[in-house]
Amino acid sequence: MDRTSAYELMCQYTQNDNLRRHMLAVETAMRAYAAKNGEDIEKWGMVGLLHDFDYERWPEPPDHPLQGARILTEQGYPEDVIYAIKSHVDAVPGNPRISQLDKTLFACDELCGLITAVALVRPQGIIGMNAKSVRKKMKQKSFAEKVSRDDITEGAKDLGVELNEHIQFVVDAMAAHADQLNLPVAN
């Protein structure tokens, strides 16, 4: 499968622009980690792009992500792509995060949501954002309250990366693609 068909599938099942933008952000982070670690950039990007494509139709676990996994299986996506997507939802039993692909998706998912939220309220948008400003917003429970802070910290730990380093890496990856992600760069 190629990125064009994955993007079309994502758009077919997802109408919400914010959810689409989230999946594009996670794709961006996954591609950056794949490049850093010498992994398959297209495969890792595809996992990020498709990880929530079924969420709009089936938002409750285990339907999300299992309905999506069924669709991906029918369409012939690789097993490791499907497994990584299934493993990013803790409420779905029997899919522990084993591979670096699985762990990286989990580590990037909630963090990309938080970084996007921070960029939307900063006067400079994502430009010049640092881990310290993201950590400050993490402490405010009412800010982006649906973002799991525990998942962010657990994800970095599972990757074996210090939290500030992980945050900055994802910020930098997203900032490099701010236009494509429709992220503000200055107010």
N, C-alpha and C. Protein backbone atom coordinates (compact mmCIF):
# COMPACT_ATOMS: atom_id res chain seq x y z
N MET A 1 0.85 -1.17 0.00
CA MET A 1 0.00 0.00 0.00
C MET A 1 0.90 1.24 0.00
N ASP A 2 0.41 2.29 -0.62
CA ASP A 2 1.19 3.52 -0.68
C ASP A 2 0.49 4.64 0.09
N ARG A 3 1.18 5.75 0.25
CA ARG A 3 0.65 6.84 1.04
C ARG A 3 -0.63 7.42 0.44
N THR A 4 -0.68 7.50 -0.88
CA THR A 4 -1.87 8.06 -1.53
C THR A 4 -3.11 7.25 -1.19
N SER A 5 -3.03 5.94 -1.27
CA SER A 5 -4.20 5.11 -0.94
C SER A 5 -4.52 5.17 0.55
N ALA A 6 -3.49 5.26 1.40
CA ALA A 6 -3.73 5.38 2.84
C ALA A 6 -4.41 6.71 3.15
N TYR A 7 -3.96 7.78 2.51
CA TYR A 7 -4.58 9.09 2.73
C TYR A 7 -6.04 9.08 2.26
N GLU A 8 -6.30 8.48 1.12
CA GLU A 8 -7.67 8.39 0.61
C GLU A 8 -8.56 7.59 1.57
N LEU A 9 -8.04 6.50 2.12
CA LEU A 9 -8.80 5.71 3.09
C LEU A 9 -9.09 6.53 4.34
N MET A 10 -8.09 7.25 4.82
CA MET A 10 -8.28 8.11 6.00
C MET A 10 -9.38 9.13 5.72
N CYS A 11 -9.34 9.77 4.57
CA CYS A 11 -10.34 10.79 4.23
C CYS A 11 -11.72 10.18 4.03
N GLN A 12 -11.78 8.97 3.52
CA GLN A 12 -13.06 8.29 3.31
C GLN A 12 -13.80 8.08 4.64
N TYR A 13 -13.06 7.76 5.68
CA TYR A 13 -13.67 7.45 6.97
C TYR A 13 -13.68 8.63 7.94
N THR A 14 -12.94 9.68 7.65
CA THR A 14 -12.81 10.80 8.58
C THR A 14 -13.16 12.11 7.90
N GLN A 15 -14.22 12.75 8.38
CA GLN A 15 -14.63 14.04 7.83
C GLN A 15 -14.14 15.21 8.67
N ASN A 16 -13.91 14.99 9.95
CA ASN A 16 -13.51 16.05 10.87
C ASN A 16 -12.09 16.53 10.56
N ASP A 17 -11.96 17.82 10.25
CA ASP A 17 -10.65 18.37 9.89
C ASP A 17 -9.64 18.28 11.03
N ASN A 18 -10.09 18.47 12.26
CA ASN A 18 -9.16 18.39 13.39
C ASN A 18 -8.62 16.97 13.57
N LEU A 19 -9.47 15.98 13.38
CA LEU A 19 -9.02 14.60 13.49
C LEU A 19 -8.08 14.26 12.34
N ARG A 20 -8.39 14.74 11.15
CA ARG A 20 -7.46 14.53 10.02
C ARG A 20 -6.11 15.17 10.32
N ARG A 21 -6.15 16.39 10.83
CA ARG A 21 -4.91 17.10 11.14
C ARG A 21 -4.12 16.34 12.22
N HIS A 22 -4.82 15.77 13.19
CA HIS A 22 -4.14 14.97 14.22
C HIS A 22 -3.41 13.79 13.58
N MET A 23 -4.08 13.08 12.70
CA MET A 23 -3.44 11.92 12.07
C MET A 23 -2.25 12.34 11.22
N LEU A 24 -2.35 13.48 10.55
CA LEU A 24 -1.22 14.00 9.78
C LEU A 24 -0.05 14.37 10.70
N ALA A 25 -0.36 14.92 11.87
CA ALA A 25 0.69 15.26 12.84
C ALA A 25 1.39 14.00 13.33
N VAL A 26 0.62 12.97 13.65
CA VAL A 26 1.22 11.72 14.12
C VAL A 26 2.04 11.09 12.99
N GLU A 27 1.54 11.17 11.77
CA GLU A 27 2.32 10.68 10.62
C GLU A 27 3.67 11.39 10.56
N THR A 28 3.66 12.70 10.73
CA THR A 28 4.88 13.50 10.68
C THR A 28 5.87 13.05 11.75
N ALA A 29 5.38 12.88 12.97
CA ALA A 29 6.25 12.43 14.07
C ALA A 29 6.79 11.03 13.81
N MET A 30 5.94 10.16 13.31
CA MET A 30 6.37 8.78 13.03
C MET A 30 7.44 8.74 11.93
N ARG A 31 7.25 9.54 10.91
CA ARG A 31 8.25 9.60 9.83
C ARG A 31 9.59 10.10 10.37
N ALA A 32 9.54 11.11 11.24
CA ALA A 32 10.77 11.65 11.82
C ALA A 32 11.48 10.60 12.66
N TYR A 33 10.74 9.87 13.48
CA TYR A 33 11.37 8.82 14.28
C TYR A 33 11.91 7.69 13.40
N ALA A 34 11.19 7.34 12.34
CA ALA A 34 11.68 6.30 11.43
C ALA A 34 13.01 6.72 10.81
N ALA A 35 13.08 7.98 10.36
CA ALA A 35 14.32 8.48 9.76
C ALA A 35 15.45 8.46 10.78
N LYS A 36 15.16 8.89 11.99
CA LYS A 36 16.18 8.94 13.05
C LYS A 36 16.72 7.55 13.37
N ASN A 37 15.82 6.56 13.36
CA ASN A 37 16.19 5.21 13.78
C ASN A 37 16.48 4.24 12.64
N GLY A 38 16.52 4.74 11.42
CA GLY A 38 16.83 3.89 10.28
C GLY A 38 15.74 2.89 9.94
N GLU A 39 14.50 3.26 10.21
CA GLU A 39 13.36 2.37 9.94
C GLU A 39 12.70 2.76 8.62
N ASP A 40 11.70 2.00 8.23
CA ASP A 40 10.96 2.22 6.99
C ASP A 40 10.06 3.45 7.14
N ILE A 41 10.46 4.55 6.56
CA ILE A 41 9.75 5.83 6.72
C ILE A 41 8.32 5.75 6.20
N GLU A 42 8.13 5.10 5.07
CA GLU A 42 6.78 5.01 4.49
C GLU A 42 5.86 4.18 5.38
N LYS A 43 6.34 3.06 5.85
CA LYS A 43 5.53 2.20 6.71
C LYS A 43 5.18 2.91 8.02
N TRP A 44 6.17 3.51 8.65
CA TRP A 44 5.92 4.19 9.92
C TRP A 44 4.98 5.36 9.72
N GLY A 45 5.15 6.09 8.62
CA GLY A 45 4.24 7.19 8.32
C GLY A 45 2.82 6.71 8.12
N MET A 46 2.67 5.58 7.44
CA MET A 46 1.35 5.01 7.20
C MET A 46 0.65 4.66 8.51
N VAL A 47 1.40 4.12 9.45
CA VAL A 47 0.83 3.78 10.77
C VAL A 47 0.31 5.04 11.43
N GLY A 48 1.08 6.11 11.42
CA GLY A 48 0.62 7.37 12.01
C GLY A 48 -0.58 7.94 11.29
N LEU A 49 -0.58 7.87 9.99
CA LEU A 49 -1.67 8.41 9.19
C LEU A 49 -2.98 7.67 9.40
N LEU A 50 -2.90 6.37 9.62
CA LEU A 50 -4.12 5.56 9.71
C LEU A 50 -4.53 5.18 11.13
N HIS A 51 -3.77 5.57 12.14
CA HIS A 51 -4.02 5.03 13.48
C HIS A 51 -5.40 5.35 14.03
N ASP A 52 -6.01 6.45 13.64
CA ASP A 52 -7.35 6.82 14.14
C ASP A 52 -8.38 6.94 13.02
N PHE A 53 -8.12 6.37 11.86
CA PHE A 53 -9.03 6.59 10.73
C PHE A 53 -10.44 6.06 11.01
N ASP A 54 -10.58 5.11 11.90
CA ASP A 54 -11.90 4.55 12.22
C ASP A 54 -12.58 5.25 13.39
N TYR A 55 -11.90 6.17 14.04
CA TYR A 55 -12.37 6.77 15.30
C TYR A 55 -13.68 7.53 15.14
N GLU A 56 -13.87 8.24 14.06
CA GLU A 56 -15.08 9.04 13.88
C GLU A 56 -16.32 8.15 13.82
N ARG A 57 -16.21 7.00 13.20
CA ARG A 57 -17.35 6.07 13.09
C ARG A 57 -17.50 5.18 14.31
N TRP A 58 -16.38 4.77 14.89
CA TRP A 58 -16.39 3.85 16.03
C TRP A 58 -15.47 4.39 17.12
N PRO A 59 -15.92 5.38 17.89
CA PRO A 59 -15.02 6.02 18.86
C PRO A 59 -14.76 5.22 20.14
N GLU A 60 -15.56 4.24 20.42
CA GLU A 60 -15.42 3.51 21.69
C GLU A 60 -14.62 2.23 21.52
N PRO A 61 -13.64 2.01 22.40
CA PRO A 61 -12.94 0.73 22.38
C PRO A 61 -13.90 -0.38 22.79
N PRO A 62 -13.79 -1.56 22.31
CA PRO A 62 -12.74 -2.02 21.40
C PRO A 62 -13.07 -1.79 19.92
N ASP A 63 -14.27 -1.22 19.61
CA ASP A 63 -14.55 -0.98 18.20
C ASP A 63 -13.43 -0.17 17.55
N HIS A 64 -12.99 0.88 18.25
CA HIS A 64 -11.78 1.57 17.82
C HIS A 64 -10.65 1.00 18.65
N PRO A 65 -9.74 0.33 18.07
CA PRO A 65 -9.33 0.30 16.68
C PRO A 65 -9.66 -0.99 15.93
N LEU A 66 -10.46 -1.87 16.52
CA LEU A 66 -10.67 -3.17 15.89
C LEU A 66 -11.47 -3.10 14.59
N GLN A 67 -12.42 -2.18 14.49
CA GLN A 67 -13.12 -2.02 13.21
C GLN A 67 -12.14 -1.57 12.13
N GLY A 68 -11.28 -0.66 12.48
CA GLY A 68 -10.26 -0.21 11.53
C GLY A 68 -9.32 -1.34 11.15
N ALA A 69 -8.93 -2.16 12.13
CA ALA A 69 -8.03 -3.29 11.84
C ALA A 69 -8.69 -4.25 10.86
N ARG A 70 -9.99 -4.47 11.01
CA ARG A 70 -10.71 -5.35 10.08
C ARG A 70 -10.66 -4.79 8.67
N ILE A 71 -10.90 -3.48 8.54
CA ILE A 71 -10.89 -2.83 7.23
C ILE A 71 -9.48 -2.90 6.62
N LEU A 72 -8.47 -2.63 7.43
CA LEU A 72 -7.10 -2.69 6.93
C LEU A 72 -6.71 -4.09 6.50
N THR A 73 -7.17 -5.10 7.23
CA THR A 73 -6.92 -6.49 6.84
C THR A 73 -7.56 -6.79 5.50
N GLU A 74 -8.82 -6.38 5.35
CA GLU A 74 -9.54 -6.61 4.08
C GLU A 74 -8.82 -5.93 2.91
N GLN A 75 -8.18 -4.81 3.18
CA GLN A 75 -7.51 -4.07 2.12
C GLN A 75 -6.06 -4.51 1.89
N GLY A 76 -5.60 -5.47 2.68
CA GLY A 76 -4.28 -6.04 2.45
C GLY A 76 -3.11 -5.30 3.07
N TYR A 77 -3.37 -4.50 4.10
CA TYR A 77 -2.27 -3.81 4.79
C TYR A 77 -1.43 -4.83 5.55
N PRO A 78 -0.13 -4.55 5.71
CA PRO A 78 0.76 -5.49 6.43
C PRO A 78 0.33 -5.70 7.88
N GLU A 79 0.58 -6.90 8.36
CA GLU A 79 0.21 -7.27 9.73
C GLU A 79 0.85 -6.37 10.77
N ASP A 80 2.12 -6.00 10.58
CA ASP A 80 2.78 -5.17 11.59
C ASP A 80 2.18 -3.77 11.65
N VAL A 81 1.69 -3.27 10.54
CA VAL A 81 0.98 -1.98 10.52
C VAL A 81 -0.31 -2.10 11.31
N ILE A 82 -1.06 -3.15 11.03
CA ILE A 82 -2.34 -3.36 11.71
C ILE A 82 -2.12 -3.59 13.21
N TYR A 83 -1.12 -4.38 13.56
CA TYR A 83 -0.86 -4.65 14.97
C TYR A 83 -0.50 -3.38 15.72
N ALA A 84 0.36 -2.55 15.13
CA ALA A 84 0.75 -1.30 15.79
C ALA A 84 -0.47 -0.43 16.05
N ILE A 85 -1.36 -0.37 15.09
CA ILE A 85 -2.58 0.44 15.25
C ILE A 85 -3.46 -0.14 16.34
N LYS A 86 -3.60 -1.45 16.38
CA LYS A 86 -4.40 -2.07 17.45
C LYS A 86 -3.77 -1.84 18.81
N SER A 87 -2.46 -1.84 18.89
CA SER A 87 -1.79 -1.75 20.19
C SER A 87 -1.75 -0.33 20.76
N HIS A 88 -2.17 0.66 20.00
CA HIS A 88 -2.08 2.03 20.53
C HIS A 88 -3.23 2.37 21.48
N VAL A 89 -4.22 1.49 21.59
CA VAL A 89 -5.36 1.72 22.49
C VAL A 89 -5.26 0.75 23.65
N ASP A 90 -5.01 1.28 24.84
CA ASP A 90 -4.84 0.42 26.03
C ASP A 90 -6.08 -0.39 26.36
N ALA A 91 -7.26 0.13 26.01
CA ALA A 91 -8.50 -0.54 26.39
C ALA A 91 -8.78 -1.79 25.55
N VAL A 92 -7.93 -2.07 24.58
CA VAL A 92 -8.09 -3.27 23.76
C VAL A 92 -7.11 -4.32 24.26
N PRO A 93 -7.61 -5.34 24.96
CA PRO A 93 -6.71 -6.35 25.55
C PRO A 93 -6.08 -7.24 24.49
N GLY A 94 -4.94 -7.82 24.84
CA GLY A 94 -4.30 -8.79 23.98
C GLY A 94 -3.42 -8.21 22.89
N ASN A 95 -3.13 -6.93 22.97
CA ASN A 95 -2.28 -6.29 21.97
C ASN A 95 -1.20 -5.45 22.64
N PRO A 96 -0.31 -6.09 23.40
CA PRO A 96 0.73 -5.31 24.07
C PRO A 96 1.67 -4.67 23.04
N ARG A 97 2.22 -3.54 23.40
CA ARG A 97 3.18 -2.87 22.52
C ARG A 97 4.52 -3.60 22.63
N ILE A 98 4.93 -4.19 21.52
CA ILE A 98 6.13 -5.02 21.52
C ILE A 98 7.25 -4.37 20.72
N SER A 99 6.96 -4.02 19.49
CA SER A 99 7.99 -3.50 18.59
C SER A 99 8.21 -2.01 18.80
N GLN A 100 9.31 -1.50 18.23
CA GLN A 100 9.57 -0.06 18.27
C GLN A 100 8.47 0.68 17.53
N LEU A 101 7.93 0.10 16.48
CA LEU A 101 6.82 0.72 15.74
C LEU A 101 5.62 0.91 16.66
N ASP A 102 5.26 -0.12 17.39
CA ASP A 102 4.13 -0.06 18.33
C ASP A 102 4.38 1.02 19.39
N LYS A 103 5.56 0.99 19.97
CA LYS A 103 5.89 1.90 21.07
C LYS A 103 5.96 3.35 20.59
N THR A 104 6.47 3.56 19.40
CA THR A 104 6.59 4.92 18.88
C THR A 104 5.23 5.51 18.57
N LEU A 105 4.33 4.72 18.01
CA LEU A 105 2.97 5.23 17.76
C LEU A 105 2.32 5.66 19.07
N PHE A 106 2.39 4.82 20.08
CA PHE A 106 1.80 5.16 21.37
C PHE A 106 2.43 6.42 21.94
N ALA A 107 3.75 6.52 21.82
CA ALA A 107 4.47 7.67 22.38
C ALA A 107 4.13 8.98 21.67
N CYS A 108 3.81 8.91 20.41
CA CYS A 108 3.55 10.13 19.62
C CYS A 108 2.09 10.55 19.62
N ASP A 109 1.19 9.64 19.78
CA ASP A 109 -0.24 9.92 19.61
C ASP A 109 -0.75 11.06 20.49
N GLU A 110 -0.76 10.89 21.77
CA GLU A 110 -1.28 11.92 22.68
C GLU A 110 -0.40 13.17 22.67
N LEU A 111 0.90 12.97 22.53
CA LEU A 111 1.82 14.11 22.52
C LEU A 111 1.53 15.04 21.34
N CYS A 112 1.26 14.49 20.18
CA CYS A 112 0.93 15.34 19.02
C CYS A 112 -0.32 16.17 19.29
N GLY A 113 -1.29 15.59 19.97
CA GLY A 113 -2.49 16.34 20.32
C GLY A 113 -2.18 17.49 21.26
N LEU A 114 -1.34 17.24 22.25
CA LEU A 114 -0.98 18.29 23.20
C LEU A 114 -0.17 19.39 22.52
N ILE A 115 0.78 19.01 21.70
CA ILE A 115 1.60 20.01 20.99
C ILE A 115 0.72 20.88 20.09
N THR A 116 -0.21 20.29 19.41
CA THR A 116 -1.14 21.06 18.56
C THR A 116 -1.91 22.05 19.41
N ALA A 117 -2.43 21.60 20.53
CA ALA A 117 -3.20 22.49 21.41
C ALA A 117 -2.34 23.65 21.91
N VAL A 118 -1.10 23.37 22.28
CA VAL A 118 -0.20 24.42 22.75
C VAL A 118 0.07 25.41 21.62
N ALA A 119 0.31 24.91 20.42
CA ALA A 119 0.58 25.79 19.28
C ALA A 119 -0.59 26.72 19.00
N LEU A 120 -1.79 26.25 19.24
CA LEU A 120 -2.98 27.06 18.96
C LEU A 120 -3.16 28.22 19.93
N VAL A 121 -2.55 28.13 21.12
CA VAL A 121 -2.71 29.22 22.09
C VAL A 121 -1.47 30.10 22.24
N ARG A 122 -0.37 29.71 21.65
CA ARG A 122 0.86 30.52 21.73
C ARG A 122 0.83 31.63 20.70
N PRO A 123 1.23 32.84 21.05
CA PRO A 123 1.28 33.93 20.07
C PRO A 123 2.16 33.60 18.86
N GLN A 124 3.24 32.83 19.07
CA GLN A 124 4.13 32.45 17.98
C GLN A 124 3.73 31.14 17.31
N GLY A 125 2.63 30.54 17.76
CA GLY A 125 2.26 29.23 17.23
C GLY A 125 3.30 28.19 17.61
N ILE A 126 3.65 27.36 16.67
CA ILE A 126 4.61 26.27 16.96
C ILE A 126 6.06 26.73 16.82
N ILE A 127 6.28 27.85 16.15
CA ILE A 127 7.65 28.32 15.94
C ILE A 127 8.29 28.71 17.28
N GLY A 128 9.46 28.16 17.54
CA GLY A 128 10.18 28.44 18.77
C GLY A 128 9.64 27.71 19.99
N MET A 129 8.68 26.84 19.81
CA MET A 129 8.14 26.08 20.94
C MET A 129 9.22 25.16 21.49
N ASN A 130 9.26 25.06 22.80
CA ASN A 130 10.22 24.14 23.41
C ASN A 130 9.52 23.21 24.39
N ALA A 131 10.25 22.21 24.80
CA ALA A 131 9.69 21.19 25.71
C ALA A 131 9.20 21.82 27.00
N LYS A 132 9.89 22.85 27.48
CA LYS A 132 9.50 23.49 28.74
C LYS A 132 8.09 24.07 28.64
N SER A 133 7.76 24.72 27.54
CA SER A 133 6.42 25.30 27.40
C SER A 133 5.35 24.21 27.28
N VAL A 134 5.69 23.11 26.64
CA VAL A 134 4.74 22.00 26.56
C VAL A 134 4.55 21.37 27.93
N ARG A 135 5.63 21.17 28.67
CA ARG A 135 5.54 20.60 30.02
C ARG A 135 4.72 21.49 30.94
N LYS A 136 4.86 22.80 30.79
CA LYS A 136 4.08 23.74 31.60
C LYS A 136 2.58 23.53 31.35
N LYS A 137 2.20 23.37 30.09
CA LYS A 137 0.79 23.15 29.76
C LYS A 137 0.33 21.76 30.21
N MET A 138 1.24 20.80 30.23
CA MET A 138 0.90 19.45 30.71
C MET A 138 0.43 19.49 32.15
N LYS A 139 1.00 20.41 32.93
CA LYS A 139 0.65 20.51 34.35
C LYS A 139 -0.74 21.08 34.57
N GLN A 140 -1.27 21.81 33.59
CA GLN A 140 -2.60 22.41 33.70
C GLN A 140 -3.64 21.37 33.27
N LYS A 141 -4.27 20.73 34.23
CA LYS A 141 -5.19 19.65 33.93
C LYS A 141 -6.38 20.08 33.08
N SER A 142 -6.78 21.35 33.19
CA SER A 142 -7.92 21.82 32.41
C SER A 142 -7.55 22.14 30.96
N PHE A 143 -6.26 22.26 30.68
CA PHE A 143 -5.81 22.54 29.32
C PHE A 143 -5.75 21.24 28.52
N ALA A 144 -6.44 21.21 27.37
CA ALA A 144 -6.48 19.99 26.54
C ALA A 144 -6.74 18.78 27.43
N GLU A 145 -7.80 18.89 28.20
CA GLU A 145 -8.05 17.91 29.28
C GLU A 145 -8.26 16.48 28.80
N LYS A 146 -8.59 16.28 27.54
CA LYS A 146 -8.78 14.92 27.04
C LYS A 146 -7.46 14.23 26.68
N VAL A 147 -6.39 14.99 26.65
CA VAL A 147 -5.07 14.43 26.35
C VAL A 147 -4.53 13.74 27.61
N SER A 148 -4.18 12.47 27.47
CA SER A 148 -3.68 11.70 28.60
C SER A 148 -2.22 12.02 28.88
N ARG A 149 -1.99 12.69 29.98
CA ARG A 149 -0.62 12.99 30.39
C ARG A 149 0.13 11.70 30.74
N ASP A 150 -0.57 10.75 31.32
CA ASP A 150 0.05 9.47 31.67
C ASP A 150 0.54 8.75 30.41
N ASP A 151 -0.24 8.78 29.34
CA ASP A 151 0.18 8.15 28.09
C ASP A 151 1.43 8.82 27.53
N ILE A 152 1.51 10.13 27.66
CA ILE A 152 2.68 10.85 27.16
C ILE A 152 3.93 10.44 27.92
N THR A 153 3.86 10.43 29.24
CA THR A 153 5.04 10.07 30.03
C THR A 153 5.37 8.57 29.89
N GLU A 154 4.35 7.72 29.87
CA GLU A 154 4.58 6.29 29.70
C GLU A 154 5.16 6.00 28.32
N GLY A 155 4.69 6.73 27.31
CA GLY A 155 5.20 6.53 25.95
C GLY A 155 6.67 6.84 25.83
N ALA A 156 7.09 7.96 26.40
CA ALA A 156 8.52 8.31 26.36
C ALA A 156 9.35 7.27 27.11
N LYS A 157 8.84 6.83 28.25
CA LYS A 157 9.55 5.83 29.05
C LYS A 157 9.70 4.52 28.26
N ASP A 158 8.61 4.08 27.62
CA ASP A 158 8.66 2.84 26.83
C ASP A 158 9.63 2.95 25.66
N LEU A 159 9.77 4.15 25.12
CA LEU A 159 10.73 4.37 24.02
C LEU A 159 12.16 4.42 24.53
N GLY A 160 12.31 4.62 25.84
CA GLY A 160 13.64 4.76 26.40
C GLY A 160 14.25 6.12 26.11
N VAL A 161 13.37 7.13 25.99
CA VAL A 161 13.80 8.49 25.69
C VAL A 161 13.37 9.39 26.83
N GLU A 162 14.24 10.29 27.23
CA GLU A 162 13.90 11.26 28.27
C GLU A 162 12.74 12.11 27.76
N LEU A 163 11.79 12.43 28.64
CA LEU A 163 10.55 13.09 28.23
C LEU A 163 10.79 14.41 27.51
N ASN A 164 11.65 15.27 28.04
CA ASN A 164 11.89 16.55 27.37
C ASN A 164 12.49 16.35 25.97
N GLU A 165 13.37 15.39 25.85
CA GLU A 165 13.98 15.09 24.55
C GLU A 165 12.90 14.61 23.56
N HIS A 166 12.02 13.76 24.02
CA HIS A 166 10.93 13.24 23.18
C HIS A 166 10.01 14.38 22.75
N ILE A 167 9.62 15.21 23.70
CA ILE A 167 8.74 16.33 23.38
C ILE A 167 9.40 17.24 22.35
N GLN A 168 10.64 17.60 22.57
CA GLN A 168 11.32 18.51 21.65
C GLN A 168 11.47 17.90 20.26
N PHE A 169 11.76 16.62 20.20
CA PHE A 169 11.90 15.95 18.91
C PHE A 169 10.59 16.03 18.12
N VAL A 170 9.48 15.76 18.79
CA VAL A 170 8.17 15.80 18.10
C VAL A 170 7.80 17.24 17.75
N VAL A 171 8.05 18.19 18.64
CA VAL A 171 7.80 19.61 18.32
C VAL A 171 8.57 19.99 17.06
N ASP A 172 9.84 19.66 17.01
CA ASP A 172 10.66 20.03 15.87
C ASP A 172 10.16 19.38 14.58
N ALA A 173 9.76 18.12 14.66
CA ALA A 173 9.22 17.43 13.47
C ALA A 173 7.96 18.12 12.98
N MET A 174 7.07 18.45 13.91
CA MET A 174 5.82 19.11 13.54
C MET A 174 6.06 20.53 13.03
N ALA A 175 6.98 21.25 13.65
CA ALA A 175 7.27 22.63 13.23
C ALA A 175 7.81 22.66 11.80
N ALA A 176 8.59 21.65 11.44
CA ALA A 176 9.14 21.59 10.09
C ALA A 176 8.05 21.41 9.03
N HIS A 177 6.87 20.98 9.47
CA HIS A 177 5.75 20.74 8.55
C HIS A 177 4.52 21.54 8.96
N ALA A 178 4.74 22.67 9.59
CA ALA A 178 3.64 23.48 10.12
C ALA A 178 2.61 23.83 9.05
N ASP A 179 3.06 24.15 7.86
CA ASP A 179 2.12 24.50 6.79
C ASP A 179 1.21 23.33 6.44
N GLN A 180 1.78 22.16 6.23
CA GLN A 180 0.99 20.98 5.89
C GLN A 180 0.05 20.57 7.02
N LEU A 181 0.44 20.86 8.26
CA LEU A 181 -0.38 20.49 9.42
C LEU A 181 -1.35 21.59 9.78
N ASN A 182 -1.29 22.70 9.05
CA ASN A 182 -2.17 23.84 9.29
C ASN A 182 -2.01 24.36 10.73
N LEU A 183 -0.76 24.38 11.18
CA LEU A 183 -0.45 24.86 12.53
C LEU A 183 -0.06 26.34 12.44
N PRO A 184 -0.50 27.11 13.42
CA PRO A 184 -0.11 28.52 13.40
C PRO A 184 1.39 28.69 13.65
N VAL A 185 1.97 29.65 12.95
CA VAL A 185 3.38 29.95 13.15
C VAL A 185 3.56 31.32 13.80
N ALA A 186 2.52 32.12 13.83
CA ALA A 186 2.53 33.41 14.53
C ALA A 186 1.13 33.99 14.48
N ASN A 187 0.74 34.70 15.52
CA ASN A 187 -0.58 35.37 15.53
C ASN A 187 -0.43 36.82 15.11
